[in-house]
Amino acid sequence: MPFNPNVPQPFQDLDANVVRNQLNSLKDLIDAVPLQAANKTVAHVLPIYALSLTISDPPTQAEVQAISDKLDVLLDALKLSVA
């Protein structure tokens, strides 16, 4: 039974089965939220490939810039997942 915000009506006698169904419906809605958010995040982040880079000691500016660029791509993908 889907959640119905109009049940029970004000001052209506409570029926345990109706209230239980309402609470179970709300729980189902709440449980579905993290999974939807996680799936959305995975969909945005999955296409980002690993940074295949050997870092010298000390790292060059180009190596650090490559890391920064990849981090920017990851952050942009994560922002899309919460938008």
Protein backbone atom coordinates (compact mmCIF):
# COMPACT_ATOMS: atom_id res chain seq x y z
CA MET A 1 0.00 0.00 0.00
CA PRO A 2 1.58 3.34 -1.00
CA PHE A 3 1.90 6.10 1.58
CA ASN A 4 -1.19 8.33 1.79
CA PRO A 5 -0.59 11.57 3.71
CA ASN A 6 -4.36 12.01 4.15
CA VAL A 7 -4.72 8.88 6.29
CA PRO A 8 -5.77 8.92 9.06
CA GLN A 9 -8.00 11.96 9.01
CA PRO A 10 -7.93 14.31 12.01
CA PHE A 11 -10.03 12.99 14.91
CA GLN A 12 -10.60 9.69 13.11
CA ASP A 13 -10.44 6.52 15.20
CA LEU A 14 -7.12 4.80 14.61
CA ASP A 15 -6.94 1.38 13.06
CA ALA A 16 -3.70 -0.44 13.84
CA ASN A 17 -3.53 -2.02 10.38
CA VAL A 18 -3.92 1.32 8.62
CA VAL A 19 -1.29 3.00 10.80
CA ARG A 20 1.09 0.03 10.39
CA ASN A 21 0.69 0.17 6.61
CA GLN A 22 1.37 3.90 6.62
CA LEU A 23 4.51 3.46 8.72
CA ASN A 24 5.74 0.58 6.56
CA SER A 25 5.14 2.66 3.43
CA LEU A 26 7.15 5.53 4.90
CA LYS A 27 9.96 3.15 5.83
CA ASP A 28 10.03 1.82 2.27
CA LEU A 29 10.32 5.38 0.94
CA ILE A 30 13.12 6.19 3.36
CA ASP A 31 15.01 2.98 2.61
CA ALA A 32 14.85 3.69 -1.12
CA VAL A 33 16.53 7.11 -0.87
CA PRO A 34 20.13 6.06 -0.13
CA LEU A 35 20.07 3.38 -2.80
CA GLN A 36 18.82 5.85 -5.40
CA ALA A 37 21.48 8.37 -4.38
CA ALA A 38 24.22 5.74 -4.44
CA ASN A 39 23.17 4.51 -7.88
CA LYS A 40 23.14 8.06 -9.18
CA THR A 41 26.63 8.69 -7.78
CA VAL A 42 27.99 5.47 -9.26
CA ALA A 43 26.54 6.35 -12.65
CA HIS A 44 28.37 9.68 -12.67
CA VAL A 45 31.67 8.43 -11.24
CA LEU A 46 31.97 5.09 -13.05
CA PRO A 47 33.22 6.59 -16.35
CA ILE A 48 36.17 8.24 -14.57
CA TYR A 49 39.23 6.11 -15.21
CA ALA A 50 42.17 5.68 -12.88
CA LEU A 51 45.03 8.11 -13.19
CA SER A 52 47.88 6.05 -14.64
CA LEU A 53 50.79 8.21 -13.66
CA THR A 54 54.15 7.48 -12.12
CA ILE A 55 55.13 10.30 -9.81
CA SER A 56 58.76 11.35 -9.67
CA ASP A 57 60.49 12.48 -6.48
CA PRO A 58 60.04 15.39 -6.26
CA PRO A 59 56.92 15.57 -8.45
CA THR A 60 56.97 17.86 -11.45
CA GLN A 61 54.45 20.63 -11.91
CA ALA A 62 52.90 18.66 -14.79
CA GLU A 63 52.40 15.59 -12.57
CA VAL A 64 50.77 17.65 -9.84
CA GLN A 65 48.59 19.39 -12.44
CA ALA A 66 47.48 16.00 -13.81
CA ILE A 67 46.42 14.96 -10.31
CA SER A 68 44.60 18.25 -9.83
CA ASP A 69 42.80 17.89 -13.16
CA LYS A 70 41.66 14.35 -12.33
CA LEU A 71 40.45 15.49 -8.91
CA ASP A 72 38.44 18.27 -10.57
CA VAL A 73 36.79 15.72 -12.87
CA LEU A 74 35.90 13.54 -9.88
CA LEU A 75 34.49 16.46 -7.88
CA ASP A 76 32.40 17.61 -10.85
CA ALA A 77 30.97 14.10 -11.21
CA LEU A 78 30.12 13.96 -7.52
CA LYS A 79 28.40 17.36 -7.73
CA LEU A 80 26.26 16.05 -10.59
CA SER A 81 25.17 13.11 -8.45
CA VAL A 82 23.65 15.37 -5.78
CA ALA A 83 22.13 17.88 -8.17
